[in-house]
Amino acid sequence: MSPRGELQNERMRAEAVEKITAAALSVFAEYGYAGATMKRIAERAGLSYGLVYHYFPSKADVFRSLVDFALESTIAGMQMILNQPGTAWERLERWSEVLIPNALAGASSRYFLIMLQAMTQARTVPGLLEHINERTAVYFQALAPVIREAQQAGDAVDGDPEVLATAFLSFLQGLALFVFHREELAKSVTPEMLMSVLRKR
């Protein structure tokens, strides 16, 4: 096959995978893992059933790809911001300023729902729970030390930094869940609300 033909095939593949992923994100957010089907995903993507199976052999494979994207993009963004100059509290504030508008809008809010489903239904997808635990460990390894540094500076509330990191993430996931059903709530949520989870009184 010529380089042009290979390039065209790769472009077609990328377009199909993008359509399937977007459709799957919508279907899983709407129906949950149990209610989502490959048929619904194919219909939502506007692609044939066989083509969806060509790229993703099972519903579990599609779901895992969504979980991977959610984990990797969140961790990459967090590490980039937390490694910037400034005090620990300033870096946490910058992270919150990025998280709130991004997490509560469009596809991002659906990815938070996917992660909620993954955390509660992971045992139905072989190997997924172990994979999530491995990747979320990276999240806590990056966030907990910054919280500890903010505690030492007197800015963050006392307590186990990993528990506080969990509370921080849980607050955001809970907001994403409610915003999915009541979009107008997103306009009222501020980064300061998220930071209040960590702020020393």
Foldseek 3Di string as FASTA:
>chain_A
DDPVVVVVVVVVVVLLLVLLLVLLLVQCLVQNLVGDALVSSCVSSVHDSVVSCVVPVGSLRSLLVLLVVLLVVLLVVLLVQCPDDDALLVSLLVNLQVCLVQCQDDSNLSSLSSVVSCCVPVVVRPPSVVVVVVSVVSVLVSQLVSLVRCVVVVFWADDRSSVLSVVLSVVSSVSSSVCVVVVVVSVVDDSVVSCVSTGHD
